[in-house]
Amino acid sequence: MNLTSLTLHHLSMPLVAPFETSFGRETVRECILIELNAEGVAGYGECVASREPGYNYETTGTAWHILKDFIAPLILGQDIKDAADFQTRVERIRGQHLAKAGVEMALWDLFGKRDGKSLKEMFGGTRDRVEVGVSIGIQASAETLVRTVASYLSQGYRRVKIKIKPGREVDETLAVRNAYPDLRLQVDANSAYTLESAQVLKKIDDLNLLLIEQPLFEDDIWDHRLLQAEFKTPICLDESVVSPRHARYALEMKACKIINIKPARVGGLSQAIAIHDYCRARNVPVWCGGMLETGIGRASNLALASLPGFILPGDISASDRYYQRDITNERFTLNDDSTITVPTAPGLGVTINQSALKDFTVAATTLKAE
């Protein structure tokens, strides 16, 4: 499709409740909505970079710069044939995966609308509903955490992930496990430990956890290999796997037994699908992680998680988990079996609430093909 314009919307959206991880606390979510226009059709994508470089080095500020000054000139006025064509055009831009992934998402939306196909159809998804869980940030105390878990279980979630950090892992995990012996429970460290300090996690190794997510450095694979050899609980890599190549490294080195696939982290949906395919061929479980997405990114994640290799519940909670008001007219709700229904309309399958978009936009710019 010949791309005629690209519009960037810098959004600032209040969260329903603060979300705290080992690297910081968010009360407002910032991201960039990307609008691509081609042949009279608009496609939307979400760049999930936040205000601060906590999860990785990209921020809304740096992504805006990369999108406007480097990616846009490579695609505007060009006939982009598919996701692979886009990846080839931007491959000389090192890294910047969150920015690239946002544009690729918008392209998939365009292609789907042009062809009258949903993302699920284009990806070859096999599920109409995707099993999901809820991710709970660090709470004031172990007791507060247990109460928070109880509130989400009452809403129908059947899998819970709790965030941990040094000094806030053993008591919290034990408290939840003691309160709910049969709960599908996992923990996420977001790279908060060293190989030495991670030894404390052996105190929760016998709690029948689904997995321990990214305990060590965000760029590490080697030490995760050493750690996994000491643990019965599967280690799951998140931040360390930034491409299909890194997924291969991790599995060949036995650095993990599970991979969390976030399309944004690996540079786009096409790259996420490649990792899914690689893992599925080797019987390695994968699941879809979350980045506090709006309805745009949430629709994309649901389509991805409809692929057959996603056998663990994803962090794709209902819309009201994070936002009282979203930028899409459609809101995703939890079914009674802890699933969310995958969109079936062409492209992402959602539409923009223009009033909400206007209210949450703090800056916008439109670039046009020459």
Protein backbone atom coordinates (compact mmCIF):
# COMPACT_ATOMS: atom_id res chain seq x y z
CA MET A 1 0.00 0.00 0.00
CA ASN A 2 1.22 3.49 -0.87
CA LEU A 3 1.54 5.41 2.39
CA THR A 4 0.42 9.02 2.05
CA SER A 5 0.66 10.30 5.62
CA LEU A 6 1.69 9.41 9.16
CA THR A 7 0.25 11.08 12.26
CA LEU A 8 1.74 10.73 15.74
CA HIS A 9 -0.40 11.30 18.83
CA HIS A 10 1.46 11.53 22.14
CA LEU A 11 -1.06 10.29 24.71
CA SER A 12 -1.20 10.68 28.48
CA MET A 13 -3.85 8.45 30.07
CA PRO A 14 -4.63 8.09 33.79
CA LEU A 15 -4.50 4.55 35.14
CA VAL A 16 -7.29 3.16 37.28
CA ALA A 17 -4.71 2.47 40.00
CA PRO A 18 -0.93 2.96 40.33
CA PHE A 19 1.15 0.17 38.83
CA GLU A 20 4.48 -0.50 40.56
CA THR A 21 7.31 -2.76 39.41
CA SER A 22 10.93 -3.17 40.45
CA PHE A 23 11.90 -0.26 38.21
CA GLY A 24 9.25 2.31 39.08
CA ARG A 25 5.67 3.34 39.75
CA GLU A 26 3.23 4.61 37.13
CA THR A 27 0.03 6.53 37.79
CA VAL A 28 -0.33 7.87 34.23
CA ARG A 29 0.41 5.90 31.09
CA GLU A 30 2.14 7.64 28.21
CA CYS A 31 2.37 6.11 24.75
CA ILE A 32 2.25 7.10 21.09
CA LEU A 33 -0.68 6.30 18.82
CA ILE A 34 0.46 5.95 15.20
CA GLU A 35 -1.98 6.63 12.39
CA LEU A 36 -1.01 5.60 8.86
CA ASN A 37 -3.07 6.59 5.83
CA ALA A 38 -2.98 4.82 2.50
CA GLU A 39 -5.46 4.69 -0.36
CA GLY A 40 -8.17 6.37 1.71
CA VAL A 41 -7.81 3.91 4.62
CA ALA A 42 -6.42 4.63 8.11
CA GLY A 43 -4.48 2.05 10.09
CA TYR A 44 -3.55 2.40 13.76
CA GLY A 45 -0.67 1.14 15.83
CA GLU A 46 0.51 1.67 19.38
CA CYS A 47 4.09 2.44 20.35
CA VAL A 48 4.18 1.29 23.98
CA ALA A 49 7.26 3.29 25.02
CA SER A 50 6.57 5.07 28.31
CA ARG A 51 7.83 8.33 29.76
CA GLU A 52 10.86 6.87 31.53
CA PRO A 53 13.53 4.39 30.34
CA GLY A 54 12.68 1.77 32.99
CA TYR A 55 11.57 -1.29 31.03
CA ASN A 56 14.08 -0.56 28.29
CA TYR A 57 15.97 2.40 26.83
CA GLU A 58 13.13 3.70 24.63
CA THR A 59 10.82 6.45 25.88
CA THR A 60 7.95 8.36 24.31
CA GLY A 61 10.45 11.15 23.63
CA THR A 62 13.05 9.02 21.90
CA ALA A 63 10.40 7.03 20.00
CA TRP A 64 8.82 10.25 18.74
CA HIS A 65 12.22 11.30 17.40
CA ILE A 66 12.87 7.95 15.71
CA LEU A 67 9.38 7.74 14.23
CA LYS A 68 9.38 11.29 12.91
CA ASP A 69 12.97 11.71 11.74
CA PHE A 70 14.02 8.22 10.68
CA ILE A 71 11.16 5.77 10.11
CA ALA A 72 8.69 8.15 8.44
CA PRO A 73 11.13 9.20 5.66
CA LEU A 74 11.74 5.54 4.82
CA ILE A 75 8.08 4.63 4.32
CA LEU A 76 6.07 7.73 3.31
CA GLY A 77 5.33 7.79 -0.40
CA GLN A 78 6.44 4.17 -0.63
CA ASP A 79 4.47 1.09 -1.63
CA ILE A 80 4.88 -1.15 1.41
CA LYS A 81 3.99 -4.66 0.34
CA ASP A 82 3.93 -6.48 3.69
CA ALA A 83 5.51 -6.64 7.15
CA ALA A 84 8.68 -8.25 5.79
CA ASP A 85 9.07 -5.38 3.32
CA PHE A 86 8.73 -2.89 6.19
CA GLN A 87 11.31 -4.74 8.30
CA THR A 88 13.77 -4.66 5.41
CA ARG A 89 13.30 -0.92 4.94
CA VAL A 90 13.99 -0.10 8.61
CA GLU A 91 16.68 -2.68 9.33
CA ARG A 92 19.50 -0.11 9.15
CA ILE A 93 17.97 1.64 12.18
CA ARG A 94 19.61 -0.17 15.10
CA GLY A 95 17.27 -1.22 17.88
CA GLN A 96 14.28 1.08 18.45
CA HIS A 97 12.02 -1.95 18.54
CA LEU A 98 9.08 -0.28 20.28
CA ALA A 99 8.93 2.41 17.60
CA LYS A 100 9.21 -0.09 14.75
CA ALA A 101 6.59 -2.37 16.28
CA GLY A 102 4.07 0.47 16.53
CA VAL A 103 4.38 1.22 12.83
CA GLU A 104 4.23 -2.43 11.86
CA MET A 105 1.03 -2.81 13.88
CA ALA A 106 -0.53 0.07 11.95
CA LEU A 107 0.51 -1.60 8.69
CA TRP A 108 -1.16 -4.87 9.69
CA ASP A 109 -4.31 -2.87 10.47
CA LEU A 110 -4.15 -1.31 7.00
CA PHE A 111 -3.56 -4.64 5.24
CA GLY A 112 -6.44 -6.25 7.11
CA LYS A 113 -8.85 -3.45 6.29
CA ARG A 114 -7.80 -3.54 2.64
CA ASP A 115 -8.27 -7.31 2.38
CA GLY A 116 -11.31 -7.58 4.65
CA LYS A 117 -9.47 -9.88 7.07
CA SER A 118 -8.91 -9.74 10.82
CA LEU A 119 -5.42 -9.98 12.28
CA LYS A 120 -6.36 -13.38 13.63
CA GLU A 121 -7.13 -14.58 10.09
CA MET A 122 -3.94 -13.10 8.69
CA PHE A 123 -1.82 -14.65 11.46
CA GLY A 124 -3.49 -18.06 11.24
CA GLY A 125 -4.94 -17.90 14.74
CA THR A 126 -6.89 -20.90 15.97
CA ARG A 127 -8.71 -19.55 19.05
CA ASP A 128 -11.83 -17.44 19.27
CA ARG A 129 -11.10 -16.75 22.93
CA VAL A 130 -7.72 -16.24 24.58
CA GLU A 131 -7.06 -17.29 28.16
CA VAL A 132 -5.74 -14.36 30.17
CA GLY A 133 -4.46 -13.54 33.62
CA VAL A 134 -3.87 -10.43 35.63
CA SER A 135 -0.57 -8.73 36.51
CA ILE A 136 -0.44 -7.14 39.97
CA GLY A 137 2.12 -4.51 40.84
CA ILE A 138 4.04 -4.35 44.11
CA GLN A 139 1.65 -3.59 46.97
CA ALA A 140 2.12 -1.85 50.31
CA SER A 141 2.35 -5.16 52.20
CA ALA A 142 1.88 -8.88 51.81
CA GLU A 143 -1.55 -8.57 53.40
CA THR A 144 -2.57 -5.88 50.92
CA LEU A 145 -1.33 -8.08 48.10
CA VAL A 146 -3.47 -11.00 49.22
CA ARG A 147 -6.53 -8.75 49.36
CA THR A 148 -5.73 -7.44 45.88
CA VAL A 149 -5.39 -10.97 44.55
CA ALA A 150 -8.75 -11.83 46.13
CA SER A 151 -10.40 -8.91 44.35
CA TYR A 152 -9.17 -10.08 40.94
CA LEU A 153 -10.13 -13.67 41.60
CA SER A 154 -13.63 -12.46 42.42
CA GLN A 155 -13.71 -10.78 39.00
CA GLY A 156 -13.01 -14.12 37.34
CA TYR A 157 -9.26 -14.17 36.72
CA ARG A 158 -7.76 -17.62 37.18
CA ARG A 159 -4.08 -16.84 36.74
CA VAL A 160 -2.19 -14.21 38.72
CA LYS A 161 1.24 -12.69 38.22
CA ILE A 162 2.79 -10.68 41.03
CA LYS A 163 5.68 -8.28 40.65
CA ILE A 164 8.65 -8.82 42.96
CA LYS A 165 11.94 -7.12 43.84
CA PRO A 166 14.72 -7.70 46.41
CA GLY A 167 13.19 -7.77 49.87
CA ARG A 168 9.66 -7.98 48.49
CA GLU A 169 9.52 -11.50 47.14
CA VAL A 170 9.51 -14.28 49.74
CA ASP A 171 6.86 -13.03 52.18
CA GLU A 172 4.62 -11.83 49.38
CA THR A 173 4.75 -15.03 47.34
CA LEU A 174 4.32 -17.22 50.43
CA ALA A 175 1.33 -15.16 51.56
CA VAL A 176 -0.44 -15.55 48.22
CA ARG A 177 0.38 -19.24 47.93
CA ASN A 178 -0.78 -19.95 51.48
CA ALA A 179 -4.04 -18.10 50.83
CA TYR A 180 -4.59 -19.83 47.48
CA PRO A 181 -2.83 -23.23 47.35
CA ASP A 182 -4.20 -24.13 43.91
CA LEU A 183 -3.89 -20.75 42.20
CA ARG A 184 -2.00 -20.56 38.91
CA LEU A 185 0.64 -18.18 40.20
CA GLN A 186 3.79 -16.70 38.68
CA VAL A 187 6.24 -13.97 39.70
CA ASP A 188 8.02 -11.29 37.68
CA ALA A 189 11.25 -9.61 38.79
CA ASN A 190 11.82 -7.30 35.80
CA SER A 191 15.60 -7.81 35.98
CA ALA A 192 15.91 -6.82 39.65
CA TYR A 193 18.40 -9.49 40.77
CA THR A 194 22.00 -10.52 40.25
CA LEU A 195 23.06 -14.15 40.07
CA GLU A 196 24.07 -13.87 43.73
CA SER A 197 21.03 -12.03 45.08
CA ALA A 198 18.70 -14.31 43.11
CA GLN A 199 19.61 -17.14 45.47
CA VAL A 200 16.88 -15.83 47.77
CA LEU A 201 14.35 -17.00 45.17
CA LYS A 202 15.16 -20.60 46.12
CA LYS A 203 12.86 -19.97 49.09
CA ILE A 204 9.93 -19.88 46.66
CA ASP A 205 11.16 -22.64 44.35
CA ASP A 206 8.91 -25.22 46.01
CA LEU A 207 5.69 -23.19 45.77
CA ASN A 208 4.50 -24.76 42.51
CA LEU A 209 4.82 -21.52 40.55
CA LEU A 210 4.12 -21.48 36.84
CA LEU A 211 7.35 -19.58 36.27
CA ILE A 212 9.83 -16.99 37.53
CA GLU A 213 10.06 -14.21 34.96
CA GLN A 214 13.28 -12.35 34.08
CA PRO A 215 15.08 -12.44 37.43
CA LEU A 216 18.46 -11.24 36.08
CA PHE A 217 19.76 -8.39 33.95
CA GLU A 218 17.69 -7.23 31.00
CA ASP A 219 20.43 -8.13 28.49
CA ASP A 220 21.50 -11.40 30.09
CA ILE A 221 21.17 -14.90 28.74
CA TRP A 222 24.31 -16.62 30.08
CA ASP A 223 23.65 -16.16 33.81
CA HIS A 224 20.01 -17.15 33.34
CA ARG A 225 21.40 -20.42 32.01
CA LEU A 226 23.32 -20.92 35.25
CA LEU A 227 20.29 -19.96 37.35
CA GLN A 228 17.85 -22.21 35.51
CA ALA A 229 20.12 -25.18 36.21
CA GLU A 230 19.65 -24.54 39.96
CA PHE A 231 15.85 -24.22 39.89
CA LYS A 232 12.94 -26.61 39.47
CA THR A 233 10.63 -23.70 38.63
CA PRO A 234 10.84 -22.72 34.95
CA ILE A 235 12.70 -19.49 34.26
CA CYS A 236 10.87 -17.32 31.73
CA LEU A 237 12.75 -14.71 29.72
CA ASP A 238 11.19 -11.38 28.79
CA GLU A 239 13.54 -8.42 28.40
CA SER A 240 16.48 -10.58 27.28
CA VAL A 241 14.72 -11.87 24.16
CA VAL A 242 14.64 -8.95 21.73
CA SER A 243 14.57 -10.90 18.45
CA PRO A 244 14.04 -14.37 16.99
CA ARG A 245 17.83 -14.72 17.08
CA HIS A 246 17.91 -14.12 20.83
CA ALA A 247 15.12 -16.64 21.31
CA ARG A 248 17.32 -19.19 19.56
CA TYR A 249 20.28 -18.27 21.75
CA ALA A 250 18.21 -18.64 24.92
CA LEU A 251 16.82 -22.05 24.02
CA GLU A 252 20.07 -23.45 22.68
CA MET A 253 21.82 -22.36 25.89
CA LYS A 254 18.97 -23.68 28.08
CA ALA A 255 18.70 -20.28 29.72
CA CYS A 256 14.94 -20.65 30.14
CA LYS A 257 12.06 -23.07 29.67
CA ILE A 258 9.41 -20.49 28.71
CA ILE A 259 9.44 -17.25 26.71
CA ASN A 260 7.20 -14.23 27.20
CA ILE A 261 6.53 -12.78 23.74
CA LYS A 262 5.84 -9.06 23.56
CA PRO A 263 5.55 -7.87 19.95
CA ALA A 264 6.81 -4.42 20.87
CA ARG A 265 9.94 -5.73 22.56
CA VAL A 266 10.97 -7.83 19.56
CA GLY A 267 10.29 -5.18 16.91
CA GLY A 268 6.88 -6.12 15.58
CA LEU A 269 4.15 -8.69 15.17
CA SER A 270 6.02 -10.45 12.36
CA GLN A 271 8.99 -10.99 14.67
CA ALA A 272 6.71 -12.19 17.46
CA ILE A 273 5.14 -14.73 15.11
CA ALA A 274 8.61 -15.96 14.11
CA ILE A 275 9.50 -16.54 17.78
CA HIS A 276 6.18 -18.33 18.33
CA ASP A 277 6.86 -20.60 15.38
CA TYR A 278 10.41 -21.36 16.52
CA CYS A 279 9.30 -22.20 20.06
CA ARG A 280 6.31 -24.26 18.96
CA ALA A 281 8.51 -26.42 16.75
CA ARG A 282 10.56 -27.19 19.88
CA ASN A 283 7.60 -27.66 22.25
CA VAL A 284 8.60 -24.60 24.29
CA PRO A 285 5.61 -22.82 25.89
CA VAL A 286 5.09 -19.13 25.13
CA TRP A 287 2.65 -16.53 26.35
CA CYS A 288 1.83 -12.94 25.42
CA GLY A 289 3.06 -10.27 27.79
CA GLY A 290 1.51 -6.86 28.29
CA MET A 291 2.67 -3.25 28.42
CA LEU A 292 -0.46 -1.54 29.84
CA GLU A 293 -1.77 -1.25 26.29
CA THR A 294 -4.76 0.77 25.17
CA GLY A 295 -7.51 -0.97 23.20
CA ILE A 296 -5.31 -0.72 20.09
CA GLY A 297 -2.43 -2.74 21.50
CA ARG A 298 -4.80 -5.02 23.41
CA ALA A 299 -6.59 -6.00 20.17
CA SER A 300 -3.24 -6.73 18.55
CA ASN A 301 -2.08 -8.89 21.47
CA LEU A 302 -5.31 -10.89 21.46
CA ALA A 303 -4.89 -11.69 17.78
CA LEU A 304 -1.30 -12.79 18.37
CA ALA A 305 -2.25 -14.92 21.37
CA SER A 306 -4.84 -16.77 19.26
CA LEU A 307 -1.94 -18.67 17.66
CA PRO A 308 -1.73 -22.31 18.80
CA GLY A 309 1.65 -22.09 20.56
CA PHE A 310 0.42 -19.59 23.15
CA ILE A 311 -0.54 -22.21 25.71
CA LEU A 312 -0.09 -20.12 28.88
CA PRO A 313 -2.46 -17.28 29.87
CA GLY A 314 -1.35 -13.85 28.67
CA ASP A 315 -1.12 -10.49 30.42
CA ILE A 316 -4.01 -9.16 28.34
CA SER A 317 -6.44 -8.19 31.07
CA ALA A 318 -9.82 -6.59 30.49
CA SER A 319 -9.86 -2.90 29.54
CA ASP A 320 -11.18 -1.81 32.92
CA ARG A 321 -8.09 -3.30 34.62
CA TYR A 322 -6.18 -0.20 33.55
CA TYR A 323 -8.49 2.45 32.09
CA GLN A 324 -11.84 3.90 33.03
CA ARG A 325 -11.88 5.49 29.58
CA ASP A 326 -10.02 4.08 26.60
CA ILE A 327 -9.24 5.47 23.14
CA THR A 328 -11.19 2.70 21.39
CA ASN A 329 -14.97 2.54 21.20
CA GLU A 330 -14.74 -1.19 21.91
CA ARG A 331 -13.84 -2.36 25.40
CA PHE A 332 -12.51 -5.81 26.14
CA THR A 333 -14.26 -7.68 28.92
CA LEU A 334 -13.47 -10.87 30.81
CA ASN A 335 -15.57 -13.91 29.95
CA ASP A 336 -16.65 -16.27 32.71
CA ASP A 337 -13.86 -18.72 31.83
CA SER A 338 -11.03 -16.19 32.31
CA THR A 339 -10.80 -15.52 28.58
CA ILE A 340 -11.22 -12.49 26.34
CA THR A 341 -12.78 -12.76 22.90
CA VAL A 342 -10.50 -12.11 19.93
CA PRO A 343 -11.69 -9.34 17.56
CA THR A 344 -13.00 -10.56 14.21
CA ALA A 345 -13.60 -7.33 12.27
CA PRO A 346 -11.05 -6.40 9.56
CA GLY A 347 -7.61 -5.30 10.74
CA LEU A 348 -7.31 -4.78 14.46
CA GLY A 349 -11.07 -4.98 14.74
CA VAL A 350 -11.46 -1.83 16.81
CA THR A 351 -12.35 1.80 16.09
CA ILE A 352 -11.03 5.03 17.57
CA ASN A 353 -13.04 7.06 20.07
CA GLN A 354 -12.14 10.45 18.60
CA SER A 355 -13.37 12.37 21.65
CA ALA A 356 -11.18 10.34 24.03
CA LEU A 357 -8.24 10.59 21.63
CA LYS A 358 -8.55 14.37 21.62
CA ASP A 359 -8.79 14.56 25.40
CA PHE A 360 -5.73 12.36 26.01
CA THR A 361 -3.50 13.85 23.31
CA VAL A 362 -0.78 16.16 24.62
CA ALA A 363 1.00 16.59 21.29
CA ALA A 364 0.41 15.59 17.68
CA THR A 365 2.12 15.96 14.33
CA THR A 366 1.29 14.87 10.78
CA LEU A 367 3.88 14.03 8.17
CA LYS A 368 2.96 13.70 4.51
CA ALA A 369 4.56 12.09 1.50
CA GLU A 370 6.26 14.59 -0.75
